[in-house]
Amino acid sequence: MKAAWMTFYRDAASIGCHAFLEFSGLMSKFIDLCRQAEASGAPWLRANVHSGQHLPFAAHDVDYLLEKLECIYGMHFRLDQRLPDARPADPRRRGRAAAR
C-alpha cells in the first residue's frame, strides 16, 4: 500500500491542485491505521462499513481526517456546518448509485 501511496503522491503533487494532493493524506492515515491495527492484532484487511469491521481510531485521527476532508470538499464535513437539508447517509446505500 505504501508503494501505491508514494506513486499517487508523486503524481498528485505534479498536478498542482492542493485539494487533490490532500487525498494522499487520507491514504497515508489509512495506511498508518492499518499498520497500528496489525501491530495490535486487530483485523484490518476487510475493515469497512459493509463488513461491520472497523479500524481502531483515536480522537486525533478523526480530527486529522476531518481536516483533510474539509480541505478537499469545504466545510460540509463539519457537524456544526452541515447543509440544512442533509440527512445522515443510509449505510445500505453507500457505494451504490441511487436509482432514479
PDB file of N, CA and C in Angstrom:
ATOM      1  N   MET A   1       0.829  -1.200   0.000  1.00  0.00           N
ATOM      2  CA  MET A   1       0.000   0.000   0.000  1.00  0.00           C
ATOM      3  C   MET A   1       0.868   1.256   0.000  1.00  0.00           C
ATOM      4  N   LYS A   2       1.985   1.194   0.708  1.00  0.00           N
ATOM      5  CA  LYS A   2       2.849   2.375   0.787  1.00  0.00           C
ATOM      6  C   LYS A   2       3.413   2.730  -0.585  1.00  0.00           C
ATOM      7  N   ALA A   3       3.764   1.723  -1.392  1.00  0.00           N
ATOM      8  CA  ALA A   3       4.286   1.987  -2.734  1.00  0.00           C
ATOM      9  C   ALA A   3       3.216   2.654  -3.612  1.00  0.00           C
ATOM     10  N   ALA A   4       1.974   2.193  -3.506  1.00  0.00           N
ATOM     11  CA  ALA A   4       0.882   2.804  -4.270  1.00  0.00           C
ATOM     12  C   ALA A   4       0.666   4.240  -3.810  1.00  0.00           C
ATOM     13  N   TRP A   5       0.768   4.469  -2.495  1.00  0.00           N
ATOM     14  CA  TRP A   5       0.619   5.817  -1.960  1.00  0.00           C
ATOM     15  C   TRP A   5       1.710   6.740  -2.495  1.00  0.00           C
ATOM     16  N   MET A   6       2.953   6.268  -2.511  1.00  0.00           N
ATOM     17  CA  MET A   6       4.066   7.087  -2.994  1.00  0.00           C
ATOM     18  C   MET A   6       3.873   7.467  -4.465  1.00  0.00           C
ATOM     19  N   THR A   7       3.405   6.535  -5.262  1.00  0.00           N
ATOM     20  CA  THR A   7       3.146   6.820  -6.671  1.00  0.00           C
ATOM     21  C   THR A   7       2.044   7.869  -6.805  1.00  0.00           C
ATOM     22  N   PHE A   8       0.966   7.693  -6.041  1.00  0.00           N
ATOM     23  CA  PHE A   8      -0.120   8.668  -6.081  1.00  0.00           C
ATOM     24  C   PHE A   8       0.378  10.046  -5.656  1.00  0.00           C
ATOM     25  N   TYR A   9       1.116  10.100  -4.548  1.00  0.00           N
ATOM     26  CA  TYR A   9       1.598  11.378  -4.034  1.00  0.00           C
ATOM     27  C   TYR A   9       2.454  12.098  -5.077  1.00  0.00           C
ATOM     28  N   ARG A  10       3.377  11.380  -5.678  1.00  0.00           N
ATOM     29  CA  ARG A  10       4.255  11.982  -6.688  1.00  0.00           C
ATOM     30  C   ARG A  10       3.433  12.542  -7.857  1.00  0.00           C
ATOM     31  N   ASP A  11       2.508  11.733  -8.352  1.00  0.00           N
ATOM     32  CA  ASP A  11       1.703  12.175  -9.491  1.00  0.00           C
ATOM     33  C   ASP A  11       0.755  13.312  -9.105  1.00  0.00           C
ATOM     34  N   ALA A  12       0.152  13.227  -7.913  1.00  0.00           N
ATOM     35  CA  ALA A  12      -0.767  14.277  -7.471  1.00  0.00           C
ATOM     36  C   ALA A  12      -0.033  15.588  -7.263  1.00  0.00           C
ATOM     37  N   ALA A  13       1.171  15.530  -6.712  1.00  0.00           N
ATOM     38  CA  ALA A  13       1.945  16.754  -6.489  1.00  0.00           C
ATOM     39  C   ALA A  13       2.276  17.446  -7.810  1.00  0.00           C
ATOM     40  N   SER A  14       2.487  16.670  -8.853  1.00  0.00           N
ATOM     41  CA  SER A  14       2.845  17.257 -10.151  1.00  0.00           C
ATOM     42  C   SER A  14       1.664  17.966 -10.815  1.00  0.00           C
ATOM     43  N   ILE A  15       0.451  17.669 -10.390  1.00  0.00           N
ATOM     44  CA  ILE A  15      -0.736  18.290 -10.979  1.00  0.00           C
ATOM     45  C   ILE A  15      -0.885  19.744 -10.532  1.00  0.00           C
ATOM     46  N   GLY A  16      -0.530  20.008  -9.278  1.00  0.00           N
ATOM     47  CA  GLY A  16      -0.603  21.378  -8.780  1.00  0.00           C
ATOM     48  C   GLY A  16      -1.928  21.761  -8.149  1.00  0.00           C
ATOM     49  N   CYS A  17      -2.799  20.795  -7.886  1.00  0.00           N
ATOM     50  CA  CYS A  17      -4.090  21.061  -7.241  1.00  0.00           C
ATOM     51  C   CYS A  17      -3.983  20.616  -5.778  1.00  0.00           C
ATOM     52  N   HIS A  18      -3.936  21.597  -4.859  1.00  0.00           N
ATOM     53  CA  HIS A  18      -3.724  21.282  -3.445  1.00  0.00           C
ATOM     54  C   HIS A  18      -4.795  20.332  -2.892  1.00  0.00           C
ATOM     55  N   ALA A  19      -6.052  20.580  -3.213  1.00  0.00           N
ATOM     56  CA  ALA A  19      -7.124  19.729  -2.682  1.00  0.00           C
ATOM     57  C   ALA A  19      -6.949  18.280  -3.142  1.00  0.00           C
ATOM     58  N   PHE A  20      -6.533  18.074  -4.375  1.00  0.00           N
ATOM     59  CA  PHE A  20      -6.312  16.711  -4.866  1.00  0.00           C
ATOM     60  C   PHE A  20      -5.154  16.053  -4.123  1.00  0.00           C
ATOM     61  N   LEU A  21      -4.122  16.807  -3.831  1.00  0.00           N
ATOM     62  CA  LEU A  21      -2.977  16.288  -3.091  1.00  0.00           C
ATOM     63  C   LEU A  21      -3.371  15.847  -1.683  1.00  0.00           C
ATOM     64  N   GLU A  22      -4.401  16.485  -1.113  1.00  0.00           N
ATOM     65  CA  GLU A  22      -4.856  16.121   0.234  1.00  0.00           C
ATOM     66  C   GLU A  22      -5.349  14.668   0.306  1.00  0.00           C
ATOM     67  N   PHE A  23      -5.770  14.094  -0.823  1.00  0.00           N
ATOM     68  CA  PHE A  23      -6.161  12.685  -0.814  1.00  0.00           C
ATOM     69  C   PHE A  23      -4.996  11.798  -0.385  1.00  0.00           C
ATOM     70  N   SER A  24      -3.774  12.232  -0.667  1.00  0.00           N
ATOM     71  CA  SER A  24      -2.623  11.438  -0.233  1.00  0.00           C
ATOM     72  C   SER A  24      -2.541  11.399   1.289  1.00  0.00           C
ATOM     73  N   GLY A  25      -2.964  12.466   1.954  1.00  0.00           N
ATOM     74  CA  GLY A  25      -3.020  12.470   3.418  1.00  0.00           C
ATOM     75  C   GLY A  25      -4.023  11.473   3.947  1.00  0.00           C
ATOM     76  N   LEU A  26      -5.182  11.376   3.274  1.00  0.00           N
ATOM     77  CA  LEU A  26      -6.181  10.369   3.662  1.00  0.00           C
ATOM     78  C   LEU A  26      -5.616   8.962   3.499  1.00  0.00           C
ATOM     79  N   MET A  27      -4.932   8.749   2.388  1.00  0.00           N
ATOM     80  CA  MET A  27      -4.356   7.427   2.125  1.00  0.00           C
ATOM     81  C   MET A  27      -3.267   7.094   3.137  1.00  0.00           C
ATOM     82  N   SER A  28      -2.426   8.056   3.443  1.00  0.00           N
ATOM     83  CA  SER A  28      -1.343   7.832   4.391  1.00  0.00           C
ATOM     84  C   SER A  28      -1.891   7.504   5.779  1.00  0.00           C
ATOM     85  N   LYS A  29      -2.932   8.207   6.202  1.00  0.00           N
ATOM     86  CA  LYS A  29      -3.537   7.928   7.510  1.00  0.00           C
ATOM     87  C   LYS A  29      -4.150   6.532   7.516  1.00  0.00           C
ATOM     88  N   PHE A  30      -4.784   6.137   6.422  1.00  0.00           N
ATOM     89  CA  PHE A  30      -5.359   4.791   6.331  1.00  0.00           C
ATOM     90  C   PHE A  30      -4.260   3.742   6.494  1.00  0.00           C
ATOM     91  N   ILE A  31      -3.140   3.954   5.814  1.00  0.00           N
ATOM     92  CA  ILE A  31      -2.019   3.020   5.921  1.00  0.00           C
ATOM     93  C   ILE A  31      -1.513   2.960   7.360  1.00  0.00           C
ATOM     94  N   ASP A  32      -1.377   4.114   8.005  1.00  0.00           N
ATOM     95  CA  ASP A  32      -0.936   4.140   9.407  1.00  0.00           C
ATOM     96  C   ASP A  32      -1.901   3.393  10.318  1.00  0.00           C
ATOM     97  N   LEU A  33      -3.196   3.607  10.112  1.00  0.00           N
ATOM     98  CA  LEU A  33      -4.199   2.925  10.945  1.00  0.00           C
ATOM     99  C   LEU A  33      -4.158   1.419  10.728  1.00  0.00           C
ATOM    100  N   CYS A  34      -3.950   0.995   9.488  1.00  0.00           N
ATOM    101  CA  CYS A  34      -3.846  -0.437   9.200  1.00  0.00           C
ATOM    102  C   CYS A  34      -2.617  -1.037   9.863  1.00  0.00           C
ATOM    103  N   ARG A  35      -1.514  -0.339   9.822  1.00  0.00           N
ATOM    104  CA  ARG A  35      -0.283  -0.824  10.474  1.00  0.00           C
ATOM    105  C   ARG A  35      -0.474  -0.930  11.982  1.00  0.00           C
ATOM    106  N   GLN A  36      -1.116   0.062  12.570  1.00  0.00           N
ATOM    107  CA  GLN A  36      -1.366   0.037  14.007  1.00  0.00           C
ATOM    108  C   GLN A  36      -2.292  -1.120  14.377  1.00  0.00           C
ATOM    109  N   ALA A  37      -3.312  -1.337  13.552  1.00  0.00           N
ATOM    110  CA  ALA A  37      -4.247  -2.438  13.807  1.00  0.00           C
ATOM    111  C   ALA A  37      -3.520  -3.777  13.731  1.00  0.00           C
ATOM    112  N   GLU A  38      -2.685  -3.934  12.715  1.00  0.00           N
ATOM    113  CA  GLU A  38      -1.947  -5.188  12.567  1.00  0.00           C
ATOM    114  C   GLU A  38      -1.003  -5.419  13.747  1.00  0.00           C
ATOM    115  N   ALA A  39      -0.343  -4.364  14.187  1.00  0.00           N
ATOM    116  CA  ALA A  39       0.585  -4.478  15.313  1.00  0.00           C
ATOM    117  C   ALA A  39      -0.131  -4.885  16.601  1.00  0.00           C
ATOM    118  N   SER A  40      -1.392  -4.480  16.725  1.00  0.00           N
ATOM    119  CA  SER A  40      -2.156  -4.827  17.930  1.00  0.00           C
ATOM    120  C   SER A  40      -2.954  -6.116  17.759  1.00  0.00           C
ATOM    121  N   GLY A  41      -2.859  -6.734  16.593  1.00  0.00           N
ATOM    122  CA  GLY A  41      -3.567  -7.985  16.345  1.00  0.00           C
ATOM    123  C   GLY A  41      -5.006  -7.815  15.897  1.00  0.00           C
ATOM    124  N   ALA A  42      -5.426  -6.587  15.640  1.00  0.00           N
ATOM    125  CA  ALA A  42      -6.802  -6.332  15.197  1.00  0.00           C
ATOM    126  C   ALA A  42      -6.916  -6.606  13.694  1.00  0.00           C
ATOM    127  N   PRO A  43      -8.023  -7.216  13.258  1.00  0.00           N
ATOM    128  CA  PRO A  43      -8.200  -7.443  11.817  1.00  0.00           C
ATOM    129  C   PRO A  43      -8.393  -6.100  11.110  1.00  0.00           C
ATOM    130  N   TRP A  44      -7.778  -5.944   9.949  1.00  0.00           N
ATOM    131  CA  TRP A  44      -7.885  -4.677   9.238  1.00  0.00           C
ATOM    132  C   TRP A  44      -8.150  -4.849   7.748  1.00  0.00           C
ATOM    133  N   LEU A  45      -7.838  -6.010   7.209  1.00  0.00           N
ATOM    134  CA  LEU A  45      -7.903  -6.187   5.760  1.00  0.00           C
ATOM    135  C   LEU A  45      -9.308  -5.976   5.196  1.00  0.00           C
ATOM    136  N   ARG A  46     -10.308  -6.369   5.944  1.00  0.00           N
ATOM    137  CA  ARG A  46     -11.696  -6.210   5.474  1.00  0.00           C
ATOM    138  C   ARG A  46     -12.477  -5.209   6.328  1.00  0.00           C
ATOM    139  N   ALA A  47     -11.756  -4.322   6.982  1.00  0.00           N
ATOM    140  CA  ALA A  47     -12.418  -3.314   7.812  1.00  0.00           C
ATOM    141  C   ALA A  47     -13.067  -2.264   6.924  1.00  0.00           C
ATOM    142  N   ASN A  48     -14.383  -2.234   6.947  1.00  0.00           N
ATOM    143  CA  ASN A  48     -15.151  -1.225   6.214  1.00  0.00           C
ATOM    144  C   ASN A  48     -16.594  -1.286   6.682  1.00  0.00           C
ATOM    145  N   VAL A  49     -17.379  -0.338   6.279  1.00  0.00           N
ATOM    146  CA  VAL A  49     -18.761  -0.247   6.747  1.00  0.00           C
ATOM    147  C   VAL A  49     -19.591  -1.456   6.303  1.00  0.00           C
ATOM    148  N   HIS A  50     -19.243  -2.059   5.187  1.00  0.00           N
ATOM    149  CA  HIS A  50     -20.021  -3.170   4.661  1.00  0.00           C
ATOM    150  C   HIS A  50     -19.781  -4.464   5.446  1.00  0.00           C
ATOM    151  N   SER A  51     -18.564  -4.649   5.948  1.00  0.00           N
ATOM    152  CA  SER A  51     -18.237  -5.868   6.694  1.00  0.00           C
ATOM    153  C   SER A  51     -18.598  -5.752   8.162  1.00  0.00           C
ATOM    154  N   GLY A  52     -18.744  -4.526   8.650  1.00  0.00           N
ATOM    155  CA  GLY A  52     -19.011  -4.331  10.068  1.00  0.00           C
ATOM    156  C   GLY A  52     -17.738  -4.338  10.906  1.00  0.00           C
ATOM    157  N   GLN A  53     -16.584  -4.565  10.292  1.00  0.00           N
ATOM    158  CA  GLN A  53     -15.302  -4.487  10.995  1.00  0.00           C
ATOM    159  C   GLN A  53     -14.781  -3.062  10.854  1.00  0.00           C
ATOM    160  N   HIS A  54     -14.179  -2.553  11.906  1.00  0.00           N
ATOM    161  CA  HIS A  54     -13.734  -1.164  11.883  1.00  0.00           C
ATOM    162  C   HIS A  54     -12.308  -1.050  12.395  1.00  0.00           C
ATOM    163  N   LEU A  55     -11.570  -0.119  11.821  1.00  0.00           N
ATOM    164  CA  LEU A  55     -10.234   0.175  12.306  1.00  0.00           C
ATOM    165  C   LEU A  55     -10.337   0.944  13.618  1.00  0.00           C
ATOM    166  N   PRO A  56      -9.441   0.672  14.559  1.00  0.00           N
ATOM    167  CA  PRO A  56      -9.436   1.474  15.786  1.00  0.00           C
ATOM    168  C   PRO A  56      -8.952   2.893  15.484  1.00  0.00           C
ATOM    169  N   PHE A  57      -9.638   3.875  16.034  1.00  0.00           N
ATOM    170  CA  PHE A  57      -9.334   5.285  15.816  1.00  0.00           C
ATOM    171  C   PHE A  57      -9.164   5.977  17.152  1.00  0.00           C
ATOM    172  N   ALA A  58      -8.288   6.943  17.194  1.00  0.00           N
ATOM    173  CA  ALA A  58      -8.196   7.869  18.324  1.00  0.00           C
ATOM    174  C   ALA A  58      -8.840   9.180  17.883  1.00  0.00           C
ATOM    175  N   ALA A  59      -9.184  10.022  18.836  1.00  0.00           N
ATOM    176  CA  ALA A  59      -9.836  11.298  18.519  1.00  0.00           C
ATOM    177  C   ALA A  59      -8.978  12.140  17.578  1.00  0.00           C
ATOM    178  N   HIS A  60      -7.663  12.122  17.772  1.00  0.00           N
ATOM    179  CA  HIS A  60      -6.804  12.935  16.909  1.00  0.00           C
ATOM    180  C   HIS A  60      -6.805  12.413  15.474  1.00  0.00           C
ATOM    181  N   ASP A  61      -7.045  11.100  15.285  1.00  0.00           N
ATOM    182  CA  ASP A  61      -7.146  10.556  13.928  1.00  0.00           C
ATOM    183  C   ASP A  61      -8.378  11.114  13.225  1.00  0.00           C
ATOM    184  N   VAL A  62      -9.480  11.171  13.938  1.00  0.00           N
ATOM    185  CA  VAL A  62     -10.717  11.711  13.370  1.00  0.00           C
ATOM    186  C   VAL A  62     -10.528  13.185  13.034  1.00  0.00           C
ATOM    187  N   ASP A  63      -9.896  13.929  13.934  1.00  0.00           N
ATOM    188  CA  ASP A  63      -9.641  15.350  13.669  1.00  0.00           C
ATOM    189  C   ASP A  63      -8.808  15.530  12.403  1.00  0.00           C
ATOM    190  N   TYR A  64      -7.774  14.721  12.250  1.00  0.00           N
ATOM    191  CA  TYR A  64      -6.909  14.810  11.078  1.00  0.00           C
ATOM    192  C   TYR A  64      -7.689  14.507   9.804  1.00  0.00           C
ATOM    193  N   LEU A  65      -8.487  13.436   9.834  1.00  0.00           N
ATOM    194  CA  LEU A  65      -9.263  13.066   8.647  1.00  0.00           C
ATOM    195  C   LEU A  65     -10.291  14.137   8.301  1.00  0.00           C
ATOM    196  N   LEU A  66     -10.941  14.699   9.300  1.00  0.00           N
ATOM    197  CA  LEU A  66     -11.898  15.776   9.037  1.00  0.00           C
ATOM    198  C   LEU A  66     -11.202  16.997   8.439  1.00  0.00           C
ATOM    199  N   GLU A  67     -10.003  17.300   8.925  1.00  0.00           N
ATOM    200  CA  GLU A  67      -9.246  18.419   8.359  1.00  0.00           C
ATOM    201  C   GLU A  67      -8.972  18.186   6.876  1.00  0.00           C
ATOM    202  N   LYS A  68      -8.601  16.963   6.510  1.00  0.00           N
ATOM    203  CA  LYS A  68      -8.332  16.644   5.108  1.00  0.00           C
ATOM    204  C   LYS A  68      -9.616  16.750   4.282  1.00  0.00           C
ATOM    205  N   LEU A  69     -10.716  16.201   4.788  1.00  0.00           N
ATOM    206  CA  LEU A  69     -11.982  16.264   4.060  1.00  0.00           C
ATOM    207  C   LEU A  69     -12.469  17.699   3.896  1.00  0.00           C
ATOM    208  N   GLU A  70     -12.271  18.523   4.935  1.00  0.00           N
ATOM    209  CA  GLU A  70     -12.651  19.927   4.837  1.00  0.00           C
ATOM    210  C   GLU A  70     -11.818  20.643   3.775  1.00  0.00           C
ATOM    211  N   CYS A  71     -10.542  20.326   3.714  1.00  0.00           N
ATOM    212  CA  CYS A  71      -9.681  20.961   2.715  1.00  0.00           C
ATOM    213  C   CYS A  71     -10.124  20.576   1.304  1.00  0.00           C
ATOM    214  N   ILE A  72     -10.516  19.317   1.132  1.00  0.00           N
ATOM    215  CA  ILE A  72     -10.914  18.831  -0.185  1.00  0.00           C
ATOM    216  C   ILE A  72     -12.296  19.342  -0.578  1.00  0.00           C
ATOM    217  N   TYR A  73     -13.258  19.206   0.323  1.00  0.00           N
ATOM    218  CA  TYR A  73     -14.658  19.456  -0.025  1.00  0.00           C
ATOM    219  C   TYR A  73     -15.270  20.687   0.630  1.00  0.00           C
ATOM    220  N   GLY A  74     -14.529  21.392   1.420  1.00  0.00           N
ATOM    221  CA  GLY A  74     -15.082  22.538   2.117  1.00  0.00           C
ATOM    222  C   GLY A  74     -15.621  22.123   3.474  1.00  0.00           C
ATOM    223  N   MET A  75     -16.397  22.981   4.046  1.00  0.00           N
ATOM    224  CA  MET A  75     -16.840  22.794   5.425  1.00  0.00           C
ATOM    225  C   MET A  75     -18.033  21.845   5.582  1.00  0.00           C
ATOM    226  N   HIS A  76     -18.444  21.165   4.551  1.00  0.00           N
ATOM    227  CA  HIS A  76     -19.621  20.308   4.628  1.00  0.00           C
ATOM    228  C   HIS A  76     -19.449  19.119   5.563  1.00  0.00           C
ATOM    229  N   PHE A  77     -18.218  18.788   5.937  1.00  0.00           N
ATOM    230  CA  PHE A  77     -17.991  17.649   6.818  1.00  0.00           C
ATOM    231  C   PHE A  77     -17.944  18.033   8.286  1.00  0.00           C
ATOM    232  N   ARG A  78     -18.057  19.303   8.581  1.00  0.00           N
ATOM    233  CA  ARG A  78     -18.114  19.723   9.979  1.00  0.00           C
ATOM    234  C   ARG A  78     -19.534  19.539  10.472  1.00  0.00           C
ATOM    235  N   LEU A  79     -19.677  18.950  11.651  1.00  0.00           N
ATOM    236  CA  LEU A  79     -21.021  18.694  12.171  1.00  0.00           C
ATOM    237  C   LEU A  79     -21.804  19.979  12.379  1.00  0.00           C
ATOM    238  N   ASP A  80     -21.130  21.059  12.768  1.00  0.00           N
ATOM    239  CA  ASP A  80     -21.838  22.310  13.005  1.00  0.00           C
ATOM    240  C   ASP A  80     -22.064  23.115  11.730  1.00  0.00           C
ATOM    241  N   GLN A  81     -21.581  22.616  10.607  1.00  0.00           N
ATOM    242  CA  GLN A  81     -21.730  23.318   9.340  1.00  0.00           C
ATOM    243  C   GLN A  81     -22.462  22.471   8.302  1.00  0.00           C
ATOM    244  N   ARG A  82     -23.137  21.418   8.737  1.00  0.00           N
ATOM    245  CA  ARG A  82     -23.826  20.544   7.783  1.00  0.00           C
ATOM    246  C   ARG A  82     -24.864  21.330   6.997  1.00  0.00           C
ATOM    247  N   LEU A  83     -25.078  20.894   5.788  1.00  0.00           N
ATOM    248  CA  LEU A  83     -26.119  21.512   4.980  1.00  0.00           C
ATOM    249  C   LEU A  83     -27.456  21.325   5.681  1.00  0.00           C
ATOM    250  N   PRO A  84     -28.310  22.344   5.699  1.00  0.00           N
ATOM    251  CA  PRO A  84     -29.569  22.244   6.436  1.00  0.00           C
ATOM    252  C   PRO A  84     -30.431  21.053   6.012  1.00  0.00           C
ATOM    253  N   ASP A  85     -30.423  20.687   4.744  1.00  0.00           N
ATOM    254  CA  ASP A  85     -31.289  19.601   4.280  1.00  0.00           C
ATOM    255  C   ASP A  85     -30.556  18.262   4.200  1.00  0.00           C
ATOM    256  N   ALA A  86     -29.315  18.210   4.680  1.00  0.00           N
ATOM    257  CA  ALA A  86     -28.546  16.961   4.604  1.00  0.00           C
ATOM    258  C   ALA A  86     -29.031  15.988   5.676  1.00  0.00           C
ATOM    259  N   ARG A  87     -29.323  14.795   5.246  1.00  0.00           N
ATOM    260  CA  ARG A  87     -29.723  13.747   6.178  1.00  0.00           C
ATOM    261  C   ARG A  87     -28.572  12.754   6.292  1.00  0.00           C
ATOM    262  N   PRO A  88     -28.467  12.047   7.416  1.00  0.00           N
ATOM    263  CA  PRO A  88     -27.412  11.037   7.523  1.00  0.00           C
ATOM    264  C   PRO A  88     -27.544  10.020   6.395  1.00  0.00           C
ATOM    265  N   ALA A  89     -26.417   9.566   5.890  1.00  0.00           N
ATOM    266  CA  ALA A  89     -26.420   8.588   4.804  1.00  0.00           C
ATOM    267  C   ALA A  89     -26.958   7.257   5.300  1.00  0.00           C
ATOM    268  N   ASP A  90     -27.711   6.603   4.464  1.00  0.00           N
ATOM    269  CA  ASP A  90     -28.200   5.259   4.756  1.00  0.00           C
ATOM    270  C   ASP A  90     -27.056   4.298   4.464  1.00  0.00           C
ATOM    271  N   PRO A  91     -26.519   3.593   5.484  1.00  0.00           N
ATOM    272  CA  PRO A  91     -25.359   2.727   5.237  1.00  0.00           C
ATOM    273  C   PRO A  91     -25.623   1.634   4.212  1.00  0.00           C
ATOM    274  N   ARG A  92     -26.894   1.297   3.986  1.00  0.00           N
ATOM    275  CA  ARG A  92     -27.205   0.279   2.979  1.00  0.00           C
ATOM    276  C   ARG A  92     -27.016   0.813   1.572  1.00  0.00           C
ATOM    277  N   ARG A  93     -26.979   2.133   1.411  1.00  0.00           N
ATOM    278  CA  ARG A  93     -26.874   2.738   0.085  1.00  0.00           C
ATOM    279  C   ARG A  93     -25.451   3.157  -0.254  1.00  0.00           C
ATOM    280  N   ARG A  94     -24.533   3.103   0.682  1.00  0.00           N
ATOM    281  CA  ARG A  94     -23.177   3.556   0.416  1.00  0.00           C
ATOM    282  C   ARG A  94     -22.526   2.743  -0.686  1.00  0.00           C
ATOM    283  N   GLY A  95     -21.873   3.463  -1.568  1.00  0.00           N
ATOM    284  CA  GLY A  95     -21.142   2.799  -2.648  1.00  0.00           C
ATOM    285  C   GLY A  95     -22.018   2.356  -3.799  1.00  0.00           C
ATOM    286  N   ARG A  96     -23.284   2.717  -3.770  1.00  0.00           N
ATOM    287  CA  ARG A  96     -24.189   2.341  -4.856  1.00  0.00           C
ATOM    288  C   ARG A  96     -24.838   3.599  -5.400  1.00  0.00           C
ATOM    289  N   ALA A  97     -25.004   3.635  -6.675  1.00  0.00           N
ATOM    290  CA  ALA A  97     -25.693   4.758  -7.307  1.00  0.00           C
ATOM    291  C   ALA A  97     -27.164   4.708  -6.946  1.00  0.00           C
ATOM    292  N   ALA A  98     -27.731   5.845  -6.659  1.00  0.00           N
ATOM    293  CA  ALA A  98     -29.151   5.891  -6.329  1.00  0.00           C
ATOM    294  C   ALA A  98     -29.987   5.588  -7.563  1.00  0.00           C
ATOM    295  N   ALA A  99     -31.042   4.815  -7.390  1.00  0.00           N
ATOM    296  CA  ALA A  99     -31.942   4.517  -8.501  1.00  0.00           C
ATOM    297  C   ALA A  99     -32.760   5.760  -8.823  1.00  0.00           C
ATOM    298  N   ARG A 100     -32.867   6.060 -10.071  1.00  0.00           N
ATOM    299  CA  ARG A 100     -33.643   7.253 -10.486  1.00  0.00           C
ATOM    300  C   ARG A 100     -34.782   6.839 -11.359  1.00  0.00           C
TER     301      ARG A 100
END
